Protein backbone atom coordinates (compact mmCIF):
# COMPACT_ATOMS: atom_id res chain seq x y z
CA MET A 1 26.66 -151.18 188.92
CA PRO A 2 23.16 -151.40 187.39
CA SER A 3 20.86 -148.41 187.92
CA PRO A 4 18.04 -148.96 190.43
CA GLU A 5 14.54 -149.75 189.22
CA PRO A 6 12.23 -146.71 189.04
CA ARG A 7 9.80 -146.38 191.93
CA ALA A 8 6.08 -146.80 191.43
CA PRO A 9 4.25 -143.47 191.74
CA SER A 10 2.01 -142.74 194.69
CA ARG A 11 -1.66 -142.05 194.21
CA LEU A 12 -1.08 -138.36 194.85
CA GLN A 13 1.67 -138.22 192.23
CA ALA A 14 -0.58 -139.98 189.71
CA LEU A 15 -3.38 -137.50 190.30
CA VAL A 16 -1.29 -134.31 190.11
CA PRO A 17 -0.83 -134.29 186.28
CA ILE A 18 -4.54 -134.96 185.78
CA VAL A 19 -5.54 -132.11 188.10
CA VAL A 20 -3.05 -129.84 186.30
CA LEU A 21 -4.45 -130.87 182.90
CA VAL A 22 -8.06 -130.27 183.94
CA ALA A 23 -7.15 -126.87 185.38
CA LEU A 24 -5.21 -125.85 182.27
CA LEU A 25 -7.91 -127.04 179.86
CA SER A 26 -10.58 -125.21 181.87
CA THR A 27 -8.49 -122.04 181.80
CA SER A 28 -7.92 -122.49 178.07
CA VAL A 29 -11.65 -122.64 177.41
CA LEU A 30 -12.25 -119.65 179.71
CA LEU A 31 -9.67 -117.50 177.95
CA PHE A 32 -10.02 -118.62 174.34
CA GLY A 33 -13.53 -120.08 174.10
CA ALA A 34 -14.21 -121.93 170.85
CA ASP A 35 -10.67 -121.20 169.66
CA SER A 36 -9.12 -123.18 172.52
CA SER A 37 -8.57 -126.26 170.34
CA TYR A 38 -6.48 -124.23 167.88
CA GLY A 39 -3.36 -124.12 170.02
CA PRO A 40 -4.18 -123.35 173.67
CA ASN A 41 -5.34 -126.92 174.44
CA GLN A 42 -2.18 -128.29 172.86
CA ILE A 43 -0.07 -126.14 175.16
CA ALA A 44 -2.10 -127.37 178.14
CA LEU A 45 -1.45 -130.99 177.18
CA ILE A 46 2.30 -130.45 176.76
CA LEU A 47 2.58 -128.62 180.09
CA ALA A 48 0.68 -131.41 181.87
CA ALA A 49 2.91 -133.99 180.17
CA MET A 50 5.99 -132.20 181.48
CA VAL A 51 4.55 -132.15 185.00
CA ALA A 52 4.14 -135.94 184.75
CA ALA A 53 7.68 -136.24 183.35
CA VAL A 54 9.16 -134.28 186.27
CA LEU A 55 7.36 -136.53 188.75
CA GLY A 56 8.58 -139.57 186.80
CA ALA A 57 12.14 -138.27 186.97
CA ARG A 58 11.80 -137.94 190.75
CA ASN A 59 10.85 -141.61 190.83
CA GLY A 60 13.95 -142.67 188.92
CA PHE A 61 12.92 -142.56 185.26
CA THR A 62 15.53 -141.15 182.91
CA TRP A 63 14.64 -138.80 180.09
CA ALA A 64 15.71 -141.49 177.61
CA GLU A 65 13.10 -143.86 179.08
CA LEU A 66 10.43 -141.18 179.02
CA GLU A 67 11.32 -140.23 175.45
CA ARG A 68 11.09 -143.86 174.32
CA GLY A 69 7.66 -144.02 175.92
CA ILE A 70 6.57 -140.83 174.14
CA VAL A 71 7.83 -142.11 170.78
CA HIS A 72 6.00 -145.38 171.34
CA GLY A 73 2.82 -143.59 172.38
CA ILE A 74 2.88 -141.31 169.36
CA SER A 75 3.53 -144.30 167.10
CA LEU A 76 0.17 -145.72 168.18
CA SER A 77 -1.53 -142.75 166.54
CA THR A 78 0.41 -142.88 163.27
CA GLY A 79 -2.31 -144.81 161.48
CA ALA A 80 -4.93 -142.32 162.63
CA ILE A 81 -2.78 -139.40 161.48
CA LEU A 82 -2.31 -140.88 158.01
CA ILE A 83 -6.05 -141.48 157.70
CA LEU A 84 -6.74 -137.91 158.85
CA LEU A 85 -4.48 -136.53 156.13
CA MET A 86 -6.10 -138.73 153.52
CA VAL A 87 -9.62 -137.78 154.60
CA GLY A 88 -8.64 -134.12 154.26
CA ALA A 89 -7.42 -134.77 150.72
CA LEU A 90 -10.52 -136.82 149.95
CA ILE A 91 -12.90 -134.05 151.06
CA GLY A 92 -11.11 -131.50 148.89
CA ALA A 93 -11.07 -133.84 145.88
CA TRP A 94 -14.70 -134.91 146.29
CA ILE A 95 -15.95 -131.33 146.50
CA LEU A 96 -14.00 -130.34 143.39
CA SER A 97 -15.13 -133.50 141.57
CA GLY A 98 -18.79 -132.70 142.22
CA THR A 99 -19.23 -135.80 144.39
CA VAL A 100 -20.13 -133.95 147.60
CA PRO A 101 -22.24 -131.33 145.75
CA THR A 102 -24.14 -134.18 144.03
CA MET A 103 -24.79 -135.92 147.37
CA ILE A 104 -26.05 -132.64 148.83
CA TYR A 105 -28.16 -131.92 145.73
CA TYR A 106 -30.03 -135.23 145.86
CA GLY A 107 -30.15 -135.28 149.65
CA LEU A 108 -31.94 -131.93 149.69
CA GLY A 109 -34.69 -133.44 147.58
CA ILE A 110 -35.06 -136.59 149.65
CA LEU A 111 -34.45 -135.78 153.33
CA SER A 112 -37.21 -133.94 155.13
CA PRO A 113 -36.02 -131.56 157.87
CA ARG A 114 -38.59 -133.04 160.26
CA TRP A 115 -37.10 -136.52 159.93
CA PHE A 116 -33.52 -135.58 159.09
CA TYR A 117 -31.91 -136.40 162.45
CA ALA A 118 -33.43 -139.87 162.75
CA ALA A 119 -32.74 -140.57 159.07
CA ALA A 120 -29.10 -139.53 159.52
CA VAL A 121 -28.71 -142.09 162.33
CA ILE A 122 -30.15 -144.87 160.17
CA ILE A 123 -28.16 -143.95 157.04
CA CYS A 124 -24.86 -143.76 158.92
CA ALA A 125 -25.62 -146.94 160.87
CA ILE A 126 -26.17 -148.88 157.65
CA VAL A 127 -23.01 -147.56 156.00
CA ALA A 128 -20.87 -148.15 159.11
CA LEU A 129 -22.31 -151.63 159.60
CA ALA A 130 -21.39 -152.47 156.01
CA THR A 131 -17.92 -150.92 156.14
CA GLY A 132 -16.98 -151.47 159.78
CA SER A 133 -15.64 -147.92 160.02
CA SER A 134 -17.15 -144.91 161.77
CA TRP A 135 -14.35 -142.76 160.35
CA THR A 136 -15.03 -143.77 156.74
CA THR A 137 -18.76 -143.19 157.28
CA ALA A 138 -18.22 -139.71 158.72
CA GLY A 139 -15.72 -138.82 156.02
CA THR A 140 -18.05 -139.78 153.17
CA VAL A 141 -21.81 -139.65 153.80
CA GLY A 142 -21.32 -137.72 157.05
CA VAL A 143 -19.80 -134.76 155.24
CA ALA A 144 -22.74 -134.64 152.82
CA LEU A 145 -25.29 -134.95 155.63
CA VAL A 146 -23.76 -131.99 157.49
CA GLY A 147 -24.01 -130.00 154.29
CA ILE A 148 -27.67 -130.91 153.85
CA ALA A 149 -28.41 -129.98 157.47
CA THR A 150 -26.70 -126.61 157.00
CA VAL A 151 -28.73 -125.78 153.89
CA GLN A 152 -31.96 -126.81 155.62
CA GLY A 153 -31.17 -124.58 158.59
CA LEU A 154 -30.91 -127.44 161.06
CA HIS A 155 -28.82 -127.40 164.24
CA PRO A 156 -25.27 -128.46 163.25
CA GLY A 157 -24.51 -129.95 166.68
CA ILE A 158 -27.63 -132.13 166.66
CA ALA A 159 -26.96 -133.18 163.05
CA ALA A 160 -23.36 -134.12 163.87
CA GLY A 161 -24.56 -135.95 167.01
CA ALA A 162 -26.93 -138.02 164.88
CA ILE A 163 -24.14 -138.80 162.40
CA VAL A 164 -21.77 -139.82 165.21
CA SER A 165 -24.49 -141.93 166.88
CA GLY A 166 -25.31 -143.83 163.71
CA SER A 167 -21.68 -144.22 162.69
CA TYR A 168 -20.65 -145.68 166.04
CA PHE A 169 -23.66 -147.99 166.26
CA GLY A 170 -22.80 -149.51 162.89
CA ASP A 171 -19.10 -149.63 163.67
CA LYS A 172 -19.70 -151.31 167.03
CA MET A 173 -21.96 -154.01 165.59
CA SER A 174 -19.89 -154.72 162.47
CA PRO A 175 -17.59 -157.77 162.36
CA LEU A 176 -15.37 -155.71 160.04
CA SER A 177 -14.58 -153.12 162.71
CA ASP A 178 -11.11 -153.13 164.28
CA THR A 179 -12.38 -152.26 167.78
CA THR A 180 -15.11 -154.88 167.52
CA ASN A 181 -12.37 -157.44 166.92
CA LEU A 182 -9.98 -155.98 169.49
CA ALA A 183 -12.40 -156.02 172.45
CA PRO A 184 -13.18 -159.77 172.40
CA ALA A 185 -9.49 -160.53 171.82
CA MET A 186 -8.59 -158.64 174.98
CA ALA A 187 -11.42 -160.21 176.99
CA GLY A 188 -10.89 -163.79 175.81
CA THR A 189 -14.06 -164.46 173.85
CA ASP A 190 -14.89 -164.87 170.16
CA LEU A 191 -16.10 -162.18 167.78
CA PHE A 192 -19.67 -163.29 167.17
CA THR A 193 -20.35 -164.15 170.81
CA HIS A 194 -19.20 -160.61 171.56
CA ILE A 195 -21.47 -159.07 168.90
CA ARG A 196 -24.51 -161.06 170.08
CA HIS A 197 -23.91 -159.98 173.66
CA MET A 198 -23.63 -156.32 172.61
CA VAL A 199 -27.22 -156.41 171.34
CA TRP A 200 -28.35 -156.08 174.97
CA THR A 201 -26.85 -152.60 175.30
CA THR A 202 -26.82 -151.33 171.71
CA VAL A 203 -30.48 -151.97 170.80
CA PRO A 204 -31.99 -150.14 173.81
CA SER A 205 -29.47 -147.32 173.42
CA VAL A 206 -30.01 -146.77 169.70
CA THR A 207 -33.78 -147.08 170.14
CA LEU A 208 -33.77 -144.34 172.78
CA ALA A 209 -31.51 -142.24 170.55
CA LEU A 210 -33.84 -142.63 167.56
CA ILE A 211 -36.87 -141.67 169.65
CA LEU A 212 -35.10 -138.55 170.88
CA PHE A 213 -33.86 -137.56 167.42
CA ALA A 214 -37.33 -138.11 165.93
CA GLY A 215 -38.89 -136.03 168.69
CA ILE A 216 -36.38 -133.22 168.27
CA GLY A 217 -36.89 -133.26 164.51
CA LEU A 218 -40.66 -133.10 164.79
CA TYR A 219 -40.46 -130.33 167.39
CA LEU A 220 -37.64 -128.23 165.92
CA GLY A 221 -37.31 -129.35 162.32
CA GLY A 222 -40.28 -127.49 160.92
CA ALA A 223 -41.15 -127.34 157.28
CA SER A 224 -38.40 -126.75 154.76
CA ASP A 225 -38.35 -123.64 152.61
CA ALA A 226 -38.95 -125.21 149.20
CA GLY A 227 -37.93 -122.03 147.41
CA GLN A 228 -34.64 -121.79 149.29
CA ILE A 229 -33.82 -125.44 148.69
CA THR A 230 -34.64 -125.16 144.99
CA ALA A 231 -32.44 -122.06 144.74
CA MET A 232 -29.57 -123.88 146.44
CA GLN A 233 -29.96 -126.84 144.07
CA ASP A 234 -29.93 -124.47 141.09
CA GLN A 235 -26.75 -122.83 142.36
CA LEU A 236 -25.11 -126.21 142.83
CA ARG A 237 -25.91 -127.01 139.21
CA GLU A 238 -24.48 -123.67 138.11
CA GLN A 239 -21.18 -124.38 139.81
CA PHE A 240 -20.83 -128.13 139.19
CA VAL A 241 -21.90 -130.90 136.85
CA VAL A 242 -24.43 -132.79 138.97
CA ASN A 243 -25.52 -136.29 138.00
CA PRO A 244 -25.49 -139.79 139.53
CA LEU A 245 -22.18 -140.60 137.81
CA MET A 246 -20.47 -138.27 140.30
CA LEU A 247 -21.33 -140.77 143.06
CA VAL A 248 -18.99 -143.42 141.62
CA PRO A 249 -16.08 -142.44 143.98
CA VAL A 250 -18.36 -143.04 146.99
CA ALA A 251 -19.48 -146.43 145.69
CA LEU A 252 -15.85 -147.31 144.95
CA VAL A 253 -14.63 -146.53 148.48
CA LEU A 254 -17.52 -148.39 150.12
CA GLY A 255 -16.91 -151.34 147.80
CA LEU A 256 -13.20 -151.44 148.64
CA VAL A 257 -13.90 -151.36 152.36
CA LEU A 258 -16.49 -154.12 151.98
CA ARG A 259 -13.79 -156.18 150.30
CA LYS A 260 -11.69 -155.62 153.44
CA VAL A 261 -9.21 -153.24 151.82
CA PRO A 262 -7.63 -151.27 154.71
CA ALA A 263 -8.93 -147.75 155.28
CA PHE A 264 -5.88 -145.78 154.14
CA PRO A 265 -5.43 -147.38 150.70
CA ALA A 266 -9.21 -147.39 150.16
CA LEU A 267 -9.41 -143.67 150.90
CA PHE A 268 -6.28 -143.02 148.83
CA ILE A 269 -7.82 -144.71 145.80
CA GLY A 270 -11.09 -142.84 146.34
CA THR A 271 -9.17 -139.56 146.54
CA LEU A 272 -7.29 -140.17 143.29
CA VAL A 273 -10.50 -141.17 141.51
CA GLY A 274 -12.15 -138.01 142.83
CA ALA A 275 -9.28 -135.89 141.49
CA LEU A 276 -9.57 -137.65 138.12
CA PHE A 277 -13.33 -137.02 138.03
CA ALA A 278 -12.67 -133.34 138.73
CA VAL A 279 -10.32 -133.08 135.76
CA VAL A 280 -12.64 -135.03 133.42
CA PHE A 281 -16.13 -133.85 134.45
CA GLN A 282 -15.66 -130.51 136.25
CA ARG A 283 -13.33 -128.64 133.88
CA THR A 284 -15.17 -125.32 134.25
CA ALA A 285 -15.25 -125.57 138.06
CA VAL A 286 -11.55 -126.47 138.20
CA LEU A 287 -10.47 -123.66 135.86
CA THR A 288 -12.58 -121.16 137.83
CA PHE A 289 -11.01 -122.44 141.07
CA VAL A 290 -7.46 -122.02 139.72
CA ALA A 291 -8.27 -118.59 138.20
CA GLU A 292 -5.09 -118.41 136.11
CA PRO A 293 -6.20 -117.77 132.50
CA ASP A 294 -2.59 -117.49 131.26
CA LEU A 295 -1.84 -121.05 132.38
CA ALA A 296 -2.28 -123.82 129.80
CA PRO A 297 -5.63 -125.63 130.38
CA GLY A 298 -3.97 -128.98 131.01
CA LEU A 299 -1.62 -127.52 133.60
CA ALA A 300 -4.46 -125.52 135.16
CA LEU A 301 -6.54 -128.68 135.59
CA LEU A 302 -3.57 -130.47 137.16
CA LYS A 303 -2.88 -127.54 139.49
CA GLY A 304 -6.53 -127.36 140.54
CA ALA A 305 -6.71 -131.04 141.45
CA TRP A 306 -3.33 -130.85 143.19
CA THR A 307 -4.37 -127.79 145.19
CA ALA A 308 -7.63 -129.41 146.31
CA LEU A 309 -5.63 -132.34 147.71
CA HIS A 310 -3.24 -130.31 149.83
CA GLY A 311 -5.01 -127.00 150.42
CA GLY A 312 -8.66 -127.86 149.96
CA PHE A 313 -11.29 -126.30 147.72
CA SER A 314 -12.63 -122.76 147.91
CA LEU A 315 -15.76 -121.47 146.21
CA ALA A 316 -16.57 -117.87 145.33
CA SER A 317 -20.08 -118.13 143.93
CA GLY A 318 -21.44 -115.01 145.58
CA ASN A 319 -23.74 -117.10 147.78
CA GLU A 320 -22.19 -116.86 151.23
CA ALA A 321 -23.97 -119.94 152.59
CA LEU A 322 -22.91 -122.10 149.65
CA ASP A 323 -19.36 -120.75 149.72
CA ASP A 324 -19.00 -121.53 153.45
CA LEU A 325 -20.45 -124.98 152.88
CA LEU A 326 -18.05 -126.03 150.12
CA THR A 327 -14.87 -124.13 151.05
CA ARG A 328 -13.04 -126.83 152.96
CA GLY A 329 -10.90 -129.94 152.75
CA GLY A 330 -7.25 -130.57 151.93
CA MET A 331 -4.52 -132.19 153.99
CA ALA A 332 -3.60 -128.80 155.45
CA SER A 333 -7.03 -128.56 157.10
CA MET A 334 -6.11 -131.54 159.29
CA LEU A 335 -2.78 -130.24 160.59
CA ASN A 336 -4.24 -128.57 163.69
CA THR A 337 -6.07 -131.78 164.56
CA ILE A 338 -2.84 -133.75 164.13
CA TRP A 339 -1.11 -131.25 166.41
CA LEU A 340 -3.79 -131.90 169.03
CA ILE A 341 -3.38 -135.68 168.69
CA LEU A 342 0.42 -135.53 169.00
CA THR A 343 0.29 -133.49 172.21
CA ALA A 344 -2.50 -135.65 173.67
CA MET A 345 -0.62 -138.85 172.92
CA THR A 346 2.51 -137.34 174.49
CA PHE A 347 0.63 -136.73 177.74
CA GLY A 348 -0.89 -140.22 177.72
CA ALA A 349 2.46 -141.83 176.95
CA VAL A 350 4.24 -140.12 179.84
CA MET A 351 1.41 -141.06 182.19
CA GLU A 352 1.65 -144.69 181.10
CA THR A 353 5.45 -144.94 181.01
CA THR A 354 5.78 -143.60 184.55
CA GLY A 355 3.15 -146.06 185.81
CA MET A 356 0.71 -143.31 186.78
CA LEU A 357 -2.12 -144.74 184.68
CA GLN A 358 -1.64 -148.13 186.31
CA THR A 359 -1.58 -146.61 189.79
CA ILE A 360 -4.93 -144.91 189.16
CA ALA A 361 -6.36 -148.08 187.64
CA ASN A 362 -5.25 -150.23 190.57
CA TRP A 363 -6.75 -147.69 192.94
CA ILE A 364 -10.06 -148.07 191.15
CA LEU A 365 -9.79 -151.86 191.24
CA SER A 366 -9.22 -151.83 195.00
CA ALA A 367 -12.71 -150.35 195.46
CA VAL A 368 -14.47 -153.11 193.51
CA ARG A 369 -16.87 -155.22 195.58
CA GLY A 370 -19.70 -156.72 193.51
CA THR A 371 -20.53 -157.22 189.85
CA GLY A 372 -22.07 -153.76 189.56
CA SER A 373 -19.00 -152.00 190.92
CA LEU A 374 -16.73 -154.15 188.71
CA VAL A 375 -18.67 -153.16 185.59
CA ALA A 376 -18.71 -149.54 186.75
CA ALA A 377 -14.97 -149.65 187.41
CA THR A 378 -14.35 -151.02 183.92
CA LEU A 379 -16.57 -148.35 182.38
CA GLY A 380 -14.88 -145.61 184.39
CA THR A 381 -11.39 -146.83 183.60
CA SER A 382 -12.07 -147.02 179.86
CA ILE A 383 -13.63 -143.57 179.84
CA GLY A 384 -10.70 -142.27 181.87
CA MET A 385 -8.25 -143.77 179.38
CA ASN A 386 -10.06 -141.93 176.58
CA VAL A 387 -9.66 -138.68 178.50
CA ILE A 388 -6.10 -139.21 179.73
CA ALA A 389 -4.46 -141.38 177.08
CA SER A 390 -6.49 -139.86 174.20
CA ASP A 391 -6.77 -143.10 172.26
CA GLN A 392 -9.65 -145.56 172.00
CA TYR A 393 -7.32 -148.53 171.53
CA MET A 394 -5.59 -147.85 174.85
CA ALA A 395 -9.07 -147.43 176.36
CA ILE A 396 -9.80 -151.02 175.31
CA VAL A 397 -6.41 -152.70 175.73
CA LEU A 398 -5.36 -151.44 179.16
CA PRO A 399 -8.67 -152.04 181.00
CA GLY A 400 -9.02 -155.35 179.17
CA ARG A 401 -5.67 -156.49 180.52
CA MET A 402 -6.45 -155.15 183.98
CA PHE A 403 -9.91 -156.63 184.51
CA ARG A 404 -9.85 -159.90 182.55
CA ALA A 405 -8.71 -162.07 185.45
CA GLU A 406 -11.06 -160.28 187.87
CA PHE A 407 -14.07 -161.03 185.65
CA ALA A 408 -12.99 -164.68 185.48
CA ARG A 409 -12.48 -164.94 189.26
CA ARG A 410 -16.02 -163.68 189.80
CA GLY A 411 -17.49 -166.23 187.39
CA LEU A 412 -18.42 -163.66 184.77
CA ALA A 413 -18.27 -164.69 181.12
CA PRO A 414 -15.61 -162.82 179.10
CA GLU A 415 -18.22 -161.38 176.76
CA ASN A 416 -19.40 -159.23 179.69
CA LEU A 417 -15.97 -157.61 179.75
CA SER A 418 -15.69 -157.23 175.97
CA ARG A 419 -19.13 -155.61 175.80
CA THR A 420 -18.27 -153.22 178.63
CA LEU A 421 -15.01 -152.25 176.94
CA GLU A 422 -16.90 -151.30 173.79
CA ASP A 423 -19.73 -149.55 175.65
CA SER A 424 -17.16 -147.23 177.19
CA GLY A 425 -13.81 -147.37 175.39
CA THR A 426 -15.16 -147.30 171.84
CA LEU A 427 -18.19 -145.09 172.28
CA THR A 428 -16.92 -142.31 174.52
CA SER A 429 -13.76 -141.78 172.45
CA ALA A 430 -15.71 -139.53 170.08
CA LEU A 431 -16.88 -137.34 172.98
CA VAL A 432 -13.41 -136.18 174.06
CA PRO A 433 -12.09 -133.22 172.01
CA TRP A 434 -8.42 -134.21 172.27
CA ASN A 435 -8.98 -137.92 171.73
CA THR A 436 -8.04 -139.14 168.26
CA CYS A 437 -11.69 -139.97 167.55
CA GLY A 438 -13.16 -136.75 168.90
CA ALA A 439 -10.57 -134.71 167.03
CA PHE A 440 -11.24 -136.63 163.82
CA MET A 441 -15.00 -136.20 163.97
CA ALA A 442 -14.73 -132.48 164.71
CA ALA A 443 -12.27 -131.88 161.88
CA THR A 444 -14.15 -134.02 159.37
CA LEU A 445 -17.70 -132.82 160.11
CA GLY A 446 -16.69 -129.23 160.77
CA VAL A 447 -18.54 -129.22 164.11
CA ALA A 448 -16.70 -128.86 167.43
CA THR A 449 -16.70 -131.91 169.68
CA VAL A 450 -18.26 -129.95 172.54
CA ALA A 451 -21.04 -128.88 170.16
CA TYR A 452 -22.10 -132.38 169.09
CA ALA A 453 -21.18 -134.41 172.20
CA PRO A 454 -24.40 -133.56 174.14
CA PHE A 455 -26.40 -134.86 171.17
CA ALA A 456 -24.45 -138.07 170.48
CA PHE A 457 -27.22 -139.88 172.35
CA PHE A 458 -26.23 -143.42 171.41
CA ASN A 459 -22.68 -142.86 172.66
CA LEU A 460 -23.99 -141.36 175.90
CA PHE A 461 -26.68 -143.94 176.61
CA SER A 462 -24.66 -147.14 176.08
CA PRO A 463 -22.37 -146.75 179.12
CA LEU A 464 -25.41 -145.92 181.28
CA VAL A 465 -27.32 -148.99 180.07
CA ALA A 466 -24.23 -151.13 180.73
CA ALA A 467 -23.96 -149.77 184.28
CA VAL A 468 -27.65 -150.49 184.95
CA TYR A 469 -27.20 -154.06 183.76
CA GLY A 470 -24.15 -154.46 185.99
CA PHE A 471 -25.98 -153.39 189.15
CA THR A 472 -29.25 -155.21 188.37
CA GLY A 473 -27.69 -158.40 186.97
CA VAL A 474 -29.73 -158.13 183.77
CA ALA A 475 -27.94 -159.53 180.68
CA ILE A 476 -24.93 -160.54 182.78
CA LYS A 477 -23.75 -163.98 181.66
CA ARG A 478 -22.09 -166.15 184.30
CA ILE A 479 -19.74 -169.12 184.06
CA ASP A 480 -18.24 -171.60 186.48
CA PRO A 481 -15.06 -169.93 187.79
CA ASP A 482 -13.44 -173.37 188.19
CA ALA A 483 -14.19 -174.41 184.61
CA PRO A 484 -11.24 -175.29 182.33
CA GLY A 485 -9.81 -172.25 180.58
CA VAL A 486 -10.88 -169.81 183.28
CA ALA A 487 -7.52 -168.95 184.71
CA ASP A 488 -5.97 -166.32 186.90
CA GLU A 489 -3.34 -164.76 184.70
CA ASP A 490 -1.18 -162.19 186.38
CA GLN A 491 -0.22 -160.62 183.09
CA TYR A 492 -3.80 -159.42 182.74
CA THR A 493 -3.88 -157.70 186.10
CA ARG A 494 -0.69 -155.67 186.00
CA VAL A 495 1.10 -153.54 183.47
CA THR A 496 4.72 -152.89 184.33
CA PRO A 497 5.56 -149.17 184.07
CA GLY A 498 7.29 -148.36 180.82
CA THR A 499 6.32 -151.53 178.94
CA GLY A 500 3.49 -149.96 176.90
CA THR A 501 0.09 -151.44 176.18
CA GLY A 502 0.83 -153.92 173.42
């Protein structure tokens, strides 16, 4: 006799794991403060996942079904985990190779503290627009910009917020970006129609962000200490060979991404080239780093490069500020972040497999009345998916499937939906500490998500601008609901529990 179908969860059941998670995360922060992301938050996520699993079991789900859902959910983050590991290796290799020190050296001479924040937005926006990747931008020029901000005595949270703002603006507007391609595919429109429609929310948002960053820089930036900057540049030259040739690994990675080489192999090649540059151009720095005079020089150079890839680079120059700045990187530095991602994806997977995410989403949809509330519901659902499911792709795919037919029934062009998915699903992912994007940015830039999130102005403004447009009708494109191709498709309004998001 076949086993009965699992029951759909009630609204109360769907809310219980979320309430438990919020309570546990709040307690974690209360007890452990800034250290909460180094283990306590992971325990909170696992405990909340088990609460959801127990409720799912009560509704008829077997552990085998839940486990398959967890494995599937974690598999969605595998690409992000591999990139995280490679970025860790790349940072270690590029510091040892002199690439990051060279970027900091020249940046200190070019970027004025008074205009640093606004300049960081523009620089990162250009790089991300060209590469289509906020992660690549943060992992390359973003790392150097944080270093420059640190030396100039600027606020690290504001600097990281500017980097995140610029990186996500460029990523969102780039036809090379994966999320920029995913959103129109889920909504049923084409790529360039989607990009043109996003101008309505991105341009006002980035303009407001630039004004704020410029104002903060002029008010707080002050004049740089020329003597201190010159001393730091001199110390960089003492420790590393600094010249424009050291920037070749950066140009190589950006060139590979522009040629549409996927992120992981592009970063892998850039990492190996960085390690090679370290061995060829930074022999003194590598031998000092290894500090094993009895080891043959060739083996010492190999060990130094190898160590930078897995364990990162450490500097002991006697200058505490410089040592803190350049002691970082390595795959091992990303393991805590990967731990956070695995536990977050486990919670999201159990919530989805048991149908709890869909129950909450349908509850939201039942409250939709007009265009404004539909846009707000889409924004809220995508943001909620970033918080609960911890993955920006799920924050685009699931709401896209849910709301596509509803947008069509109301005579709203699909580019309205695709734009809303990006304004919320893509942009708020970097503001959630346990989301893959928030965890990546924090680990890569060395600034906690909660420290930069209040200053990621572009990411904060875009959902608000989208909501205003929804309620006022500004920049909302309408179509004839009876036109050919505008169909009610049930598969876009329901997700069967346990079937995943694919």
